[in-house]
Amino acid sequence: MRSFGSAIELFKSTRNFSRLVAPDSLHGVAEPYASVLPLSADLSLAIATDGVGTKILVAEELHRYDTVGIDCVAMNANDIICVGAEPIAMVDYMAVKAADTEQLKDLAEGLVEGARQAHVSIPGGETAQVGEMLADSEDAFDLVGTCVGTMAPKAEIVGQSIRAGDALIGYASTGIHSNGLTLARRAFRSKGWPLERYVEDFGRTLGEELLAPTRIYVDLAQDLRRALDVHAFAHITSDGFINLNRVPPEVGERVGFEITDLPSIPPVFHLIGELGEIPAAEMFRVFNMGVGFCAVVPEAEAERALAIGTAQGIESTRLGSVTTECPGEVTIHANGVHLRSEGKRFVPIG
């Protein structure tokens, strides 16, 4: 069976197929948040595509569809800003079991709210009724999007300017966002917790907590770029803080990231870990653990980076620094957590 890596290698072979543009090298980043197409000496187009994963199953079970559209926009727009581009438009693909007018209306309203927050238009999309391809539930659906953004080629940000001593700033998530829902649902099911269960620590039901929309960081990123010399952005999704390593190989060969402070971990993650008996290494690999977005800035600009987040009502934390002591690795020594990245996983360290 071929791996995802094999597919990626095949896709790379198409780079020269276009008669007009070919993807930029992005300084050789193996897993860029978005692909960049150079259109002219003054303009590049960034493009990203993503869905909301098994968060859809929570929406189906609760028959609540008004928030996952926000997640769909967020997962795409937050990737676009990580390469220095400004998102401008997104198209969506909705696959449904049956053409339920109320369900489609709620999904569309979520997409529109996400578009408002991300300052993008939705010029088109596709809705497909594919009952044979979906589960037995009449409410089954899938939702994905593709977002584009524009940038001046010189504005590209992929970590190429990162240097030792830079500050790592973290910006709070709104909870679980759109990654790790399979593991979370498994943890709750193992102890017989229904989504309708009210949880005192959340101040709402378990399902409402899991459906809290992904925070959109577009305004934050634009303000940071205008005010500071941003060296890198990171959207903290699946793989957690290991996403910080999505930098050019020559950067990863000389520096790593050391996290020495963390904000208070939201109760939902404590509960998932406790009920599922999930070790810290796995929790930090799968979930954002309360930090949904990061910026790497020069040490002299750290306080301003914190202040910009606070001004937008986003809890902001000085997480740590860029260091030469652990090239290519992310280490966490904070709040009783001691981990080191090893490829796509975290391992405990003393």
C-alpha atoms as a PDB file:
ATOM      1  CA  MET A   1       0.000   0.000   0.000  1.00  0.00           C
ATOM      2  CA  ARG A   2       1.408   3.365  -0.966  1.00  0.00           C
ATOM      3  CA  SER A   3       1.920   5.959   1.743  1.00  0.00           C
ATOM      4  CA  PHE A   4       0.909   9.617   1.747  1.00  0.00           C
ATOM      5  CA  GLY A   5       4.586  10.327   1.099  1.00  0.00           C
ATOM      6  CA  SER A   6       4.389   8.409  -2.179  1.00  0.00           C
ATOM      7  CA  ALA A   7       1.390  10.469  -3.250  1.00  0.00           C
ATOM      8  CA  ILE A   8       3.182  13.696  -2.405  1.00  0.00           C
ATOM      9  CA  GLU A   9       6.143  12.672  -4.523  1.00  0.00           C
ATOM     10  CA  LEU A  10       3.789  11.977  -7.431  1.00  0.00           C
ATOM     11  CA  PHE A  11       2.127  15.376  -7.029  1.00  0.00           C
ATOM     12  CA  LYS A  12       5.543  17.060  -7.099  1.00  0.00           C
ATOM     13  CA  SER A  13       5.977  15.677 -10.613  1.00  0.00           C
ATOM     14  CA  THR A  14       3.189  18.003 -11.796  1.00  0.00           C
ATOM     15  CA  ARG A  15       5.086  21.182 -10.903  1.00  0.00           C
ATOM     16  CA  ASN A  16       5.943  21.936 -14.490  1.00  0.00           C
ATOM     17  CA  PHE A  17       2.637  20.882 -16.050  1.00  0.00           C
ATOM     18  CA  SER A  18       1.122  24.384 -15.982  1.00  0.00           C
ATOM     19  CA  ARG A  19       1.858  26.564 -18.995  1.00  0.00           C
ATOM     20  CA  LEU A  20       1.543  29.702 -16.875  1.00  0.00           C
ATOM     21  CA  VAL A  21       2.820  29.127 -13.337  1.00  0.00           C
ATOM     22  CA  ALA A  22       4.661  26.601 -11.226  1.00  0.00           C
ATOM     23  CA  PRO A  23       4.588  26.371  -7.417  1.00  0.00           C
ATOM     24  CA  ASP A  24       7.236  28.410  -5.670  1.00  0.00           C
ATOM     25  CA  SER A  25       9.901  26.421  -3.871  1.00  0.00           C
ATOM     26  CA  LEU A  26       8.935  28.010  -0.530  1.00  0.00           C
ATOM     27  CA  HIS A  27      12.600  27.704   0.422  1.00  0.00           C
ATOM     28  CA  GLY A  28      12.286  23.931   0.287  1.00  0.00           C
ATOM     29  CA  VAL A  29       9.747  23.631   3.145  1.00  0.00           C
ATOM     30  CA  ALA A  30       8.584  20.004   3.097  1.00  0.00           C
ATOM     31  CA  GLU A  31       5.102  20.697   4.472  1.00  0.00           C
ATOM     32  CA  PRO A  32       4.156  24.314   3.745  1.00  0.00           C
ATOM     33  CA  TYR A  33       0.886  25.543   5.219  1.00  0.00           C
ATOM     34  CA  ALA A  34      -0.116  26.758   1.760  1.00  0.00           C
ATOM     35  CA  SER A  35       1.264  26.429  -1.760  1.00  0.00           C
ATOM     36  CA  VAL A  36       2.444  29.621  -3.411  1.00  0.00           C
ATOM     37  CA  LEU A  37       2.125  30.293  -7.134  1.00  0.00           C
ATOM     38  CA  PRO A  38       4.211  33.177  -8.523  1.00  0.00           C
ATOM     39  CA  LEU A  39       2.035  35.098 -10.986  1.00  0.00           C
ATOM     40  CA  SER A  40       4.317  38.045 -11.681  1.00  0.00           C
ATOM     41  CA  ALA A  41       7.278  39.898 -10.250  1.00  0.00           C
ATOM     42  CA  ASP A  42       4.869  41.720  -7.936  1.00  0.00           C
ATOM     43  CA  LEU A  43       2.199  39.151  -7.116  1.00  0.00           C
ATOM     44  CA  SER A  44       1.966  35.589  -5.820  1.00  0.00           C
ATOM     45  CA  LEU A  45      -1.109  33.490  -5.130  1.00  0.00           C
ATOM     46  CA  ALA A  46      -1.319  31.288  -2.017  1.00  0.00           C
ATOM     47  CA  ILE A  47      -3.724  28.342  -2.015  1.00  0.00           C
ATOM     48  CA  ALA A  48      -4.758  25.917   0.742  1.00  0.00           C
ATOM     49  CA  THR A  49      -7.475  23.296   1.160  1.00  0.00           C
ATOM     50  CA  ASP A  50      -8.822  21.585   4.267  1.00  0.00           C
ATOM     51  CA  GLY A  51     -11.922  20.288   6.014  1.00  0.00           C
ATOM     52  CA  VAL A  52     -13.017  19.902   9.622  1.00  0.00           C
ATOM     53  CA  GLY A  53     -12.478  16.155  10.053  1.00  0.00           C
ATOM     54  CA  THR A  54     -14.570  14.158  12.486  1.00  0.00           C
ATOM     55  CA  LYS A  55     -15.905  17.276  14.171  1.00  0.00           C
ATOM     56  CA  ILE A  56     -18.635  16.718  11.600  1.00  0.00           C
ATOM     57  CA  LEU A  57     -19.735  13.609  13.523  1.00  0.00           C
ATOM     58  CA  VAL A  58     -20.329  15.710  16.637  1.00  0.00           C
ATOM     59  CA  ALA A  59     -22.453  18.128  14.609  1.00  0.00           C
ATOM     60  CA  GLU A  60     -24.418  15.231  13.126  1.00  0.00           C
ATOM     61  CA  GLU A  61     -25.095  13.640  16.504  1.00  0.00           C
ATOM     62  CA  LEU A  62     -26.326  16.933  17.966  1.00  0.00           C
ATOM     63  CA  HIS A  63     -28.132  18.005  14.767  1.00  0.00           C
ATOM     64  CA  ARG A  64     -26.325  21.329  15.028  1.00  0.00           C
ATOM     65  CA  TYR A  65     -24.700  22.653  11.872  1.00  0.00           C
ATOM     66  CA  ASP A  66     -24.296  26.393  12.384  1.00  0.00           C
ATOM     67  CA  THR A  67     -20.676  26.385  13.598  1.00  0.00           C
ATOM     68  CA  VAL A  68     -18.727  23.886  11.471  1.00  0.00           C
ATOM     69  CA  GLY A  69     -18.793  26.312   8.544  1.00  0.00           C
ATOM     70  CA  ILE A  70     -16.763  28.712  10.685  1.00  0.00           C
ATOM     71  CA  ASP A  71     -14.310  25.885  11.334  1.00  0.00           C
ATOM     72  CA  CYS A  72     -13.994  25.205   7.598  1.00  0.00           C
ATOM     73  CA  VAL A  73     -13.088  28.815   6.857  1.00  0.00           C
ATOM     74  CA  ALA A  74     -10.748  28.957   9.850  1.00  0.00           C
ATOM     75  CA  MET A  75      -8.769  25.844   8.946  1.00  0.00           C
ATOM     76  CA  ASN A  76      -8.089  27.244   5.490  1.00  0.00           C
ATOM     77  CA  ALA A  77      -7.617  30.960   6.208  1.00  0.00           C
ATOM     78  CA  ASN A  78      -5.337  30.245   9.178  1.00  0.00           C
ATOM     79  CA  ASP A  79      -3.064  28.246   6.877  1.00  0.00           C
ATOM     80  CA  ILE A  80      -3.001  30.971   4.230  1.00  0.00           C
ATOM     81  CA  ILE A  81      -1.752  33.601   6.694  1.00  0.00           C
ATOM     82  CA  CYS A  82       1.115  31.330   7.776  1.00  0.00           C
ATOM     83  CA  VAL A  83       2.995  31.963   4.502  1.00  0.00           C
ATOM     84  CA  GLY A  84       2.565  35.739   4.689  1.00  0.00           C
ATOM     85  CA  ALA A  85      -0.449  35.999   2.404  1.00  0.00           C
ATOM     86  CA  GLU A  86      -3.778  37.710   3.015  1.00  0.00           C
ATOM     87  CA  PRO A  87      -6.797  35.471   2.308  1.00  0.00           C
ATOM     88  CA  ILE A  88      -9.229  36.913  -0.223  1.00  0.00           C
ATOM     89  CA  ALA A  89     -11.690  34.172  -1.202  1.00  0.00           C
ATOM     90  CA  MET A  90     -12.802  30.628  -0.464  1.00  0.00           C
ATOM     91  CA  VAL A  91     -14.962  28.092  -2.258  1.00  0.00           C
ATOM     92  CA  ASP A  92     -16.623  25.191  -0.464  1.00  0.00           C
ATOM     93  CA  TYR A  93     -17.731  21.654  -1.234  1.00  0.00           C
ATOM     94  CA  MET A  94     -20.692  20.277   0.723  1.00  0.00           C
ATOM     95  CA  ALA A  95     -21.573  16.612   0.286  1.00  0.00           C
ATOM     96  CA  VAL A  96     -24.866  15.587   1.862  1.00  0.00           C
ATOM     97  CA  LYS A  97     -26.898  12.415   2.260  1.00  0.00           C
ATOM     98  CA  ALA A  98     -30.096  14.211   1.348  1.00  0.00           C
ATOM     99  CA  ALA A  99     -30.918  17.786   0.387  1.00  0.00           C
ATOM    100  CA  ASP A 100     -32.165  18.927   3.789  1.00  0.00           C
ATOM    101  CA  THR A 101     -32.949  22.615   3.329  1.00  0.00           C
ATOM    102  CA  GLU A 102     -32.544  23.485   7.024  1.00  0.00           C
ATOM    103  CA  GLN A 103     -29.212  21.645   7.327  1.00  0.00           C
ATOM    104  CA  LEU A 104     -27.821  23.344   4.225  1.00  0.00           C
ATOM    105  CA  LYS A 105     -29.025  26.727   5.477  1.00  0.00           C
ATOM    106  CA  ASP A 106     -27.247  26.264   8.814  1.00  0.00           C
ATOM    107  CA  LEU A 107     -24.036  25.124   7.098  1.00  0.00           C
ATOM    108  CA  ALA A 108     -24.156  28.129   4.795  1.00  0.00           C
ATOM    109  CA  GLU A 109     -24.725  30.524   7.681  1.00  0.00           C
ATOM    110  CA  GLY A 110     -21.615  29.173   9.406  1.00  0.00           C
ATOM    111  CA  LEU A 111     -19.561  29.605   6.255  1.00  0.00           C
ATOM    112  CA  VAL A 112     -20.779  33.183   5.914  1.00  0.00           C
ATOM    113  CA  GLU A 113     -19.882  33.984   9.524  1.00  0.00           C
ATOM    114  CA  GLY A 114     -16.429  32.484   9.017  1.00  0.00           C
ATOM    115  CA  ALA A 115     -15.999  34.500   5.835  1.00  0.00           C
ATOM    116  CA  ARG A 116     -16.940  37.675   7.713  1.00  0.00           C
ATOM    117  CA  GLN A 117     -14.335  36.989  10.401  1.00  0.00           C
ATOM    118  CA  ALA A 118     -11.634  36.101   7.859  1.00  0.00           C
ATOM    119  CA  HIS A 119     -12.515  38.968   5.478  1.00  0.00           C
ATOM    120  CA  VAL A 120     -12.947  36.640   2.498  1.00  0.00           C
ATOM    121  CA  SER A 121     -15.639  36.287  -0.106  1.00  0.00           C
ATOM    122  CA  ILE A 122     -17.299  33.010  -1.103  1.00  0.00           C
ATOM    123  CA  PRO A 123     -17.748  33.469  -4.857  1.00  0.00           C
ATOM    124  CA  GLY A 124     -18.929  29.919  -5.495  1.00  0.00           C
ATOM    125  CA  GLY A 125     -18.863  26.299  -4.423  1.00  0.00           C
ATOM    126  CA  GLU A 126     -20.509  22.935  -4.918  1.00  0.00           C
ATOM    127  CA  THR A 127     -23.233  21.018  -3.115  1.00  0.00           C
ATOM    128  CA  ALA A 128     -23.487  17.331  -3.974  1.00  0.00           C
ATOM    129  CA  GLN A 129     -26.175  14.851  -2.937  1.00  0.00           C
ATOM    130  CA  VAL A 130     -24.235  11.586  -2.643  1.00  0.00           C
ATOM    131  CA  GLY A 131     -26.300   9.343  -0.398  1.00  0.00           C
ATOM    132  CA  GLU A 132     -24.593   6.115  -1.480  1.00  0.00           C
ATOM    133  CA  MET A 133     -21.194   7.456  -0.404  1.00  0.00           C
ATOM    134  CA  LEU A 134     -22.162   8.551   3.108  1.00  0.00           C
ATOM    135  CA  ALA A 135     -23.133   6.759   6.306  1.00  0.00           C
ATOM    136  CA  ASP A 136     -26.559   5.403   7.105  1.00  0.00           C
ATOM    137  CA  SER A 137     -27.570   8.551   8.995  1.00  0.00           C
ATOM    138  CA  GLU A 138     -29.867  10.835   7.037  1.00  0.00           C
ATOM    139  CA  ASP A 139     -27.905  13.769   8.477  1.00  0.00           C
ATOM    140  CA  ALA A 140     -24.520  12.589   7.161  1.00  0.00           C
ATOM    141  CA  PHE A 141     -22.468  15.227   5.365  1.00  0.00           C
ATOM    142  CA  ASP A 142     -18.935  16.372   4.586  1.00  0.00           C
ATOM    143  CA  LEU A 143     -17.586  19.889   4.294  1.00  0.00           C
ATOM    144  CA  VAL A 144     -14.279  21.073   2.843  1.00  0.00           C
ATOM    145  CA  GLY A 145     -12.987  24.327   1.434  1.00  0.00           C
ATOM    146  CA  THR A 146     -10.250  25.807  -0.687  1.00  0.00           C
ATOM    147  CA  CYS A 147      -8.951  29.262   0.150  1.00  0.00           C
ATOM    148  CA  VAL A 148      -6.748  31.601  -1.860  1.00  0.00           C
ATOM    149  CA  GLY A 149      -4.766  34.627  -0.784  1.00  0.00           C
ATOM    150  CA  THR A 150      -2.412  37.109  -2.368  1.00  0.00           C
ATOM    151  CA  MET A 151       0.983  38.425  -1.406  1.00  0.00           C
ATOM    152  CA  ALA A 152       3.985  40.238  -2.751  1.00  0.00           C
ATOM    153  CA  PRO A 153       6.731  37.660  -3.368  1.00  0.00           C
ATOM    154  CA  LYS A 154       9.046  39.527  -1.004  1.00  0.00           C
ATOM    155  CA  ALA A 155       6.427  39.203   1.772  1.00  0.00           C
ATOM    156  CA  GLU A 156       6.735  35.407   1.933  1.00  0.00           C
ATOM    157  CA  ILE A 157       7.118  34.145   5.505  1.00  0.00           C
ATOM    158  CA  VAL A 158       8.131  30.513   5.957  1.00  0.00           C
ATOM    159  CA  GLY A 159      10.711  30.759   8.726  1.00  0.00           C
ATOM    160  CA  GLN A 160      13.640  31.571   6.479  1.00  0.00           C
ATOM    161  CA  SER A 161      14.661  34.472   8.770  1.00  0.00           C
ATOM    162  CA  ILE A 162      14.435  32.590  12.072  1.00  0.00           C
ATOM    163  CA  ARG A 163      17.535  32.922  14.205  1.00  0.00           C
ATOM    164  CA  ALA A 164      18.641  31.827  17.662  1.00  0.00           C
ATOM    165  CA  GLY A 165      17.303  34.078  20.395  1.00  0.00           C
ATOM    166  CA  ASP A 166      14.018  34.872  18.643  1.00  0.00           C
ATOM    167  CA  ALA A 167      10.947  34.893  20.871  1.00  0.00           C
ATOM    168  CA  LEU A 168       8.131  32.370  20.496  1.00  0.00           C
ATOM    169  CA  ILE A 169       4.716  33.871  21.184  1.00  0.00           C
ATOM    170  CA  GLY A 170       1.558  31.790  21.580  1.00  0.00           C
ATOM    171  CA  TYR A 171      -2.033  32.926  21.049  1.00  0.00           C
ATOM    172  CA  ALA A 172      -4.928  31.156  22.739  1.00  0.00           C
ATOM    173  CA  SER A 173      -7.247  28.738  21.022  1.00  0.00           C
ATOM    174  CA  THR A 174     -10.983  28.647  21.679  1.00  0.00           C
ATOM    175  CA  GLY A 175     -10.733  25.029  22.749  1.00  0.00           C
ATOM    176  CA  ILE A 176     -10.293  21.850  20.771  1.00  0.00           C
ATOM    177  CA  HIS A 177     -10.657  23.599  17.368  1.00  0.00           C
ATOM    178  CA  SER A 178     -10.892  21.015  14.535  1.00  0.00           C
ATOM    179  CA  ASN A 179      -8.257  18.406  15.332  1.00  0.00           C
ATOM    180  CA  GLY A 180      -8.242  15.405  17.630  1.00  0.00           C
ATOM    181  CA  LEU A 181     -12.007  14.898  17.695  1.00  0.00           C
ATOM    182  CA  THR A 182     -11.645  11.162  17.045  1.00  0.00           C
ATOM    183  CA  LEU A 183      -9.438  10.704  20.106  1.00  0.00           C
ATOM    184  CA  ALA A 184     -11.646  13.001  22.194  1.00  0.00           C
ATOM    185  CA  ARG A 185     -14.851  11.171  21.247  1.00  0.00           C
ATOM    186  CA  ARG A 186     -13.201   7.846  22.009  1.00  0.00           C
ATOM    187  CA  ALA A 187     -12.191   9.083  25.467  1.00  0.00           C
ATOM    188  CA  PHE A 188     -15.718  10.238  26.299  1.00  0.00           C
ATOM    189  CA  ARG A 189     -17.354   7.093  24.899  1.00  0.00           C
ATOM    190  CA  SER A 190     -15.033   4.915  26.995  1.00  0.00           C
ATOM    191  CA  LYS A 191     -16.610   6.340  30.133  1.00  0.00           C
ATOM    192  CA  GLY A 192     -20.152   6.538  28.777  1.00  0.00           C
ATOM    193  CA  TRP A 193     -20.292  10.328  28.607  1.00  0.00           C
ATOM    194  CA  PRO A 194     -23.002  11.512  26.172  1.00  0.00           C
ATOM    195  CA  LEU A 195     -22.545  14.753  24.241  1.00  0.00           C
ATOM    196  CA  GLU A 196     -25.622  16.161  25.973  1.00  0.00           C
ATOM    197  CA  ARG A 197     -23.977  15.866  29.406  1.00  0.00           C
ATOM    198  CA  TYR A 198     -23.565  19.194  31.202  1.00  0.00           C
ATOM    199  CA  VAL A 199     -20.003  19.751  32.428  1.00  0.00           C
ATOM    200  CA  GLU A 200     -19.544  22.206  35.274  1.00  0.00           C
ATOM    201  CA  ASP A 201     -15.970  23.114  34.260  1.00  0.00           C
ATOM    202  CA  PHE A 202     -17.217  24.096  30.789  1.00  0.00           C
ATOM    203  CA  GLY A 203     -20.372  25.879  31.871  1.00  0.00           C
ATOM    204  CA  ARG A 204     -22.156  24.090  29.012  1.00  0.00           C
ATOM    205  CA  THR A 205     -22.677  20.631  27.601  1.00  0.00           C
ATOM    206  CA  LEU A 206     -19.878  18.447  26.353  1.00  0.00           C
ATOM    207  CA  GLY A 207     -21.179  18.707  22.787  1.00  0.00           C
ATOM    208  CA  GLU A 208     -21.329  22.499  22.940  1.00  0.00           C
ATOM    209  CA  GLU A 209     -17.720  22.571  24.125  1.00  0.00           C
ATOM    210  CA  LEU A 210     -16.554  20.325  21.308  1.00  0.00           C
ATOM    211  CA  LEU A 211     -18.408  22.397  18.708  1.00  0.00           C
ATOM    212  CA  ALA A 212     -16.894  25.716  19.821  1.00  0.00           C
ATOM    213  CA  PRO A 213     -15.667  27.221  16.524  1.00  0.00           C
ATOM    214  CA  THR A 214     -11.996  27.398  15.622  1.00  0.00           C
ATOM    215  CA  ARG A 215     -10.572  30.857  16.225  1.00  0.00           C
ATOM    216  CA  ILE A 216      -9.716  32.791  13.064  1.00  0.00           C
ATOM    217  CA  TYR A 217      -6.364  34.573  13.371  1.00  0.00           C
ATOM    218  CA  VAL A 218      -6.442  36.657  10.171  1.00  0.00           C
ATOM    219  CA  ASP A 219      -6.725  40.059  11.864  1.00  0.00           C
ATOM    220  CA  LEU A 220      -4.044  39.101  14.374  1.00  0.00           C
ATOM    221  CA  ALA A 221      -1.607  38.014  11.668  1.00  0.00           C
ATOM    222  CA  GLN A 222      -2.141  41.154   9.616  1.00  0.00           C
ATOM    223  CA  ASP A 223      -1.583  43.401  12.635  1.00  0.00           C
ATOM    224  CA  LEU A 224       1.572  41.497  13.574  1.00  0.00           C
ATOM    225  CA  ARG A 225       2.942  41.725  10.036  1.00  0.00           C
ATOM    226  CA  ARG A 226       2.273  45.468   9.813  1.00  0.00           C
ATOM    227  CA  ALA A 227       3.871  46.256  13.162  1.00  0.00           C
ATOM    228  CA  LEU A 228       6.692  43.741  13.545  1.00  0.00           C
ATOM    229  CA  ASP A 229       9.430  41.841  11.767  1.00  0.00           C
ATOM    230  CA  VAL A 230       7.671  38.464  11.889  1.00  0.00           C
ATOM    231  CA  HIS A 231      10.028  35.582  11.185  1.00  0.00           C
ATOM    232  CA  ALA A 232       7.427  32.799  11.166  1.00  0.00           C
ATOM    233  CA  PHE A 233       3.817  31.917  11.860  1.00  0.00           C
ATOM    234  CA  ALA A 234       2.528  28.496  12.911  1.00  0.00           C
ATOM    235  CA  HIS A 235      -1.057  27.234  12.914  1.00  0.00           C
ATOM    236  CA  ILE A 236      -1.187  24.725  15.757  1.00  0.00           C
ATOM    237  CA  THR A 237      -3.378  21.908  14.490  1.00  0.00           C
ATOM    238  CA  SER A 238      -2.759  18.156  14.359  1.00  0.00           C
ATOM    239  CA  ASP A 239       0.828  17.439  15.517  1.00  0.00           C
ATOM    240  CA  GLY A 240       0.521  20.281  18.050  1.00  0.00           C
ATOM    241  CA  PHE A 241       3.676  22.292  18.614  1.00  0.00           C
ATOM    242  CA  ILE A 242       5.557  20.021  16.200  1.00  0.00           C
ATOM    243  CA  ASN A 243       4.067  22.334  13.546  1.00  0.00           C
ATOM    244  CA  LEU A 244       6.769  24.815  14.555  1.00  0.00           C
ATOM    245  CA  ASN A 245       9.216  22.610  12.632  1.00  0.00           C
ATOM    246  CA  ARG A 246       7.560  23.390   9.274  1.00  0.00           C
ATOM    247  CA  VAL A 247      10.529  25.538   8.263  1.00  0.00           C
ATOM    248  CA  PRO A 248      13.206  25.353   5.557  1.00  0.00           C
ATOM    249  CA  PRO A 249      15.602  22.428   6.127  1.00  0.00           C
ATOM    250  CA  GLU A 250      18.596  24.713   6.488  1.00  0.00           C
ATOM    251  CA  VAL A 251      16.805  26.449   9.375  1.00  0.00           C
ATOM    252  CA  GLY A 252      15.889  23.176  11.066  1.00  0.00           C
ATOM    253  CA  GLU A 253      19.497  22.046  10.822  1.00  0.00           C
ATOM    254  CA  ARG A 254      20.711  24.919  12.986  1.00  0.00           C
ATOM    255  CA  VAL A 255      17.908  25.833  15.410  1.00  0.00           C
ATOM    256  CA  GLY A 256      15.023  24.369  17.377  1.00  0.00           C
ATOM    257  CA  PHE A 257      12.255  25.651  19.650  1.00  0.00           C
ATOM    258  CA  GLU A 258      12.327  25.553  23.432  1.00  0.00           C
ATOM    259  CA  ILE A 259       8.999  26.046  25.224  1.00  0.00           C
ATOM    260  CA  THR A 260       9.503  27.089  28.850  1.00  0.00           C
ATOM    261  CA  ASP A 261       6.054  28.458  29.665  1.00  0.00           C
ATOM    262  CA  LEU A 262       2.499  27.490  28.792  1.00  0.00           C
ATOM    263  CA  PRO A 263      -0.842  29.162  29.432  1.00  0.00           C
ATOM    264  CA  SER A 264      -3.334  27.350  31.638  1.00  0.00           C
ATOM    265  CA  ILE A 265      -4.481  24.261  29.753  1.00  0.00           C
ATOM    266  CA  PRO A 266      -8.246  24.464  29.080  1.00  0.00           C
ATOM    267  CA  PRO A 267     -10.417  22.033  31.074  1.00  0.00           C
ATOM    268  CA  VAL A 268     -11.507  20.103  27.969  1.00  0.00           C
ATOM    269  CA  PHE A 269      -7.973  18.787  27.468  1.00  0.00           C
ATOM    270  CA  HIS A 270      -7.594  17.787  31.114  1.00  0.00           C
ATOM    271  CA  LEU A 271     -10.860  15.868  30.852  1.00  0.00           C
ATOM    272  CA  ILE A 272      -9.912  14.113  27.602  1.00  0.00           C
ATOM    273  CA  GLY A 273      -6.573  13.060  29.051  1.00  0.00           C
ATOM    274  CA  GLU A 274      -8.088  11.868  32.315  1.00  0.00           C
ATOM    275  CA  LEU A 275     -11.016   9.906  30.895  1.00  0.00           C
ATOM    276  CA  GLY A 276      -9.006   8.431  28.037  1.00  0.00           C
ATOM    277  CA  GLU A 277      -5.930   7.764  30.195  1.00  0.00           C
ATOM    278  CA  ILE A 278      -3.877   9.471  27.503  1.00  0.00           C
ATOM    279  CA  PRO A 279      -0.241  10.346  28.324  1.00  0.00           C
ATOM    280  CA  ALA A 280       1.008  13.911  27.966  1.00  0.00           C
ATOM    281  CA  ALA A 281       3.173  13.034  24.966  1.00  0.00           C
ATOM    282  CA  GLU A 282       0.109  11.903  23.011  1.00  0.00           C
ATOM    283  CA  MET A 283      -2.027  14.831  24.167  1.00  0.00           C
ATOM    284  CA  PHE A 284       0.572  17.342  22.972  1.00  0.00           C
ATOM    285  CA  ARG A 285       0.968  15.468  19.691  1.00  0.00           C
ATOM    286  CA  VAL A 286      -2.736  15.485  18.864  1.00  0.00           C
ATOM    287  CA  PHE A 287      -4.161  18.668  20.387  1.00  0.00           C
ATOM    288  CA  ASN A 288      -3.366  22.381  20.476  1.00  0.00           C
ATOM    289  CA  MET A 289      -3.554  22.290  24.306  1.00  0.00           C
ATOM    290  CA  GLY A 290      -4.844  25.855  24.443  1.00  0.00           C
ATOM    291  CA  VAL A 291      -2.522  27.520  21.909  1.00  0.00           C
ATOM    292  CA  GLY A 292      -3.958  27.792  18.397  1.00  0.00           C
ATOM    293  CA  PHE A 293      -1.437  30.056  16.707  1.00  0.00           C
ATOM    294  CA  CYS A 294       2.195  31.087  17.174  1.00  0.00           C
ATOM    295  CA  ALA A 295       4.477  33.849  15.959  1.00  0.00           C
ATOM    296  CA  VAL A 296       8.258  33.944  15.966  1.00  0.00           C
ATOM    297  CA  VAL A 297       9.602  37.476  16.321  1.00  0.00           C
ATOM    298  CA  PRO A 298      12.890  39.118  17.311  1.00  0.00           C
ATOM    299  CA  GLU A 299      13.397  39.200  21.068  1.00  0.00           C
ATOM    300  CA  ALA A 300      13.213  43.005  21.069  1.00  0.00           C
ATOM    301  CA  GLU A 301       9.670  42.826  19.652  1.00  0.00           C
ATOM    302  CA  ALA A 302       8.282  40.157  22.009  1.00  0.00           C
ATOM    303  CA  GLU A 303       6.389  42.558  24.254  1.00  0.00           C
ATOM    304  CA  ARG A 304       4.755  44.271  21.287  1.00  0.00           C
ATOM    305  CA  ALA A 305       3.703  40.895  19.897  1.00  0.00           C
ATOM    306  CA  LEU A 306       2.048  40.090  23.215  1.00  0.00           C
ATOM    307  CA  ALA A 307       0.347  43.473  23.343  1.00  0.00           C
ATOM    308  CA  ILE A 308      -1.097  43.109  19.826  1.00  0.00           C
ATOM    309  CA  GLY A 309      -2.742  39.844  20.784  1.00  0.00           C
ATOM    310  CA  THR A 310      -4.087  41.263  24.023  1.00  0.00           C
ATOM    311  CA  ALA A 311      -5.515  44.274  22.168  1.00  0.00           C
ATOM    312  CA  GLN A 312      -7.559  41.838  20.052  1.00  0.00           C
ATOM    313  CA  GLY A 313      -8.883  40.072  23.126  1.00  0.00           C
ATOM    314  CA  ILE A 314      -6.691  37.007  22.604  1.00  0.00           C
ATOM    315  CA  GLU A 315      -4.759  35.631  25.571  1.00  0.00           C
ATOM    316  CA  SER A 316      -1.092  35.849  24.597  1.00  0.00           C
ATOM    317  CA  THR A 317       1.845  34.034  26.175  1.00  0.00           C
ATOM    318  CA  ARG A 318       5.610  34.191  25.810  1.00  0.00           C
ATOM    319  CA  LEU A 319       6.099  30.473  25.259  1.00  0.00           C
ATOM    320  CA  GLY A 320       9.856  30.359  24.886  1.00  0.00           C
ATOM    321  CA  SER A 321      12.668  30.949  22.429  1.00  0.00           C
ATOM    322  CA  VAL A 322      14.497  29.729  19.375  1.00  0.00           C
ATOM    323  CA  THR A 323      17.639  27.900  20.445  1.00  0.00           C
ATOM    324  CA  THR A 324      20.696  26.218  18.943  1.00  0.00           C
ATOM    325  CA  GLU A 325      20.721  23.581  21.693  1.00  0.00           C
ATOM    326  CA  CYS A 326      18.158  21.295  20.014  1.00  0.00           C
ATOM    327  CA  PRO A 327      18.321  21.764  16.219  1.00  0.00           C
ATOM    328  CA  GLY A 328      15.268  20.446  14.428  1.00  0.00           C
ATOM    329  CA  GLU A 329      13.438  19.694  17.671  1.00  0.00           C
ATOM    330  CA  VAL A 330      10.685  21.172  19.798  1.00  0.00           C
ATOM    331  CA  THR A 331      11.265  20.734  23.514  1.00  0.00           C
ATOM    332  CA  ILE A 332       8.754  21.477  26.247  1.00  0.00           C
ATOM    333  CA  HIS A 333       9.857  22.100  29.828  1.00  0.00           C
ATOM    334  CA  ALA A 334       6.854  23.883  31.264  1.00  0.00           C
ATOM    335  CA  ASN A 335       4.108  23.425  33.848  1.00  0.00           C
ATOM    336  CA  GLY A 336       5.386  19.983  34.794  1.00  0.00           C
ATOM    337  CA  VAL A 337       5.516  18.801  31.168  1.00  0.00           C
ATOM    338  CA  HIS A 338       8.857  17.543  29.822  1.00  0.00           C
ATOM    339  CA  LEU A 339       8.777  16.427  26.189  1.00  0.00           C
ATOM    340  CA  ARG A 340      10.941  16.396  23.075  1.00  0.00           C
ATOM    341  CA  SER A 341       9.795  16.025  19.491  1.00  0.00           C
ATOM    342  CA  GLU A 342      11.032  13.011  17.589  1.00  0.00           C
ATOM    343  CA  GLY A 343       9.778  13.189  14.032  1.00  0.00           C
ATOM    344  CA  LYS A 344       5.988  13.426  14.202  1.00  0.00           C
ATOM    345  CA  ARG A 345       5.676  12.504  17.865  1.00  0.00           C
ATOM    346  CA  PHE A 346       6.652  13.695  21.315  1.00  0.00           C
ATOM    347  CA  VAL A 347       8.648  11.542  23.729  1.00  0.00           C
ATOM    348  CA  PRO A 348       9.069  12.102  27.481  1.00  0.00           C
ATOM    349  CA  ILE A 349      12.410  13.407  28.714  1.00  0.00           C
ATOM    350  CA  GLY A 350      13.854  13.746  32.203  1.00  0.00           C
END
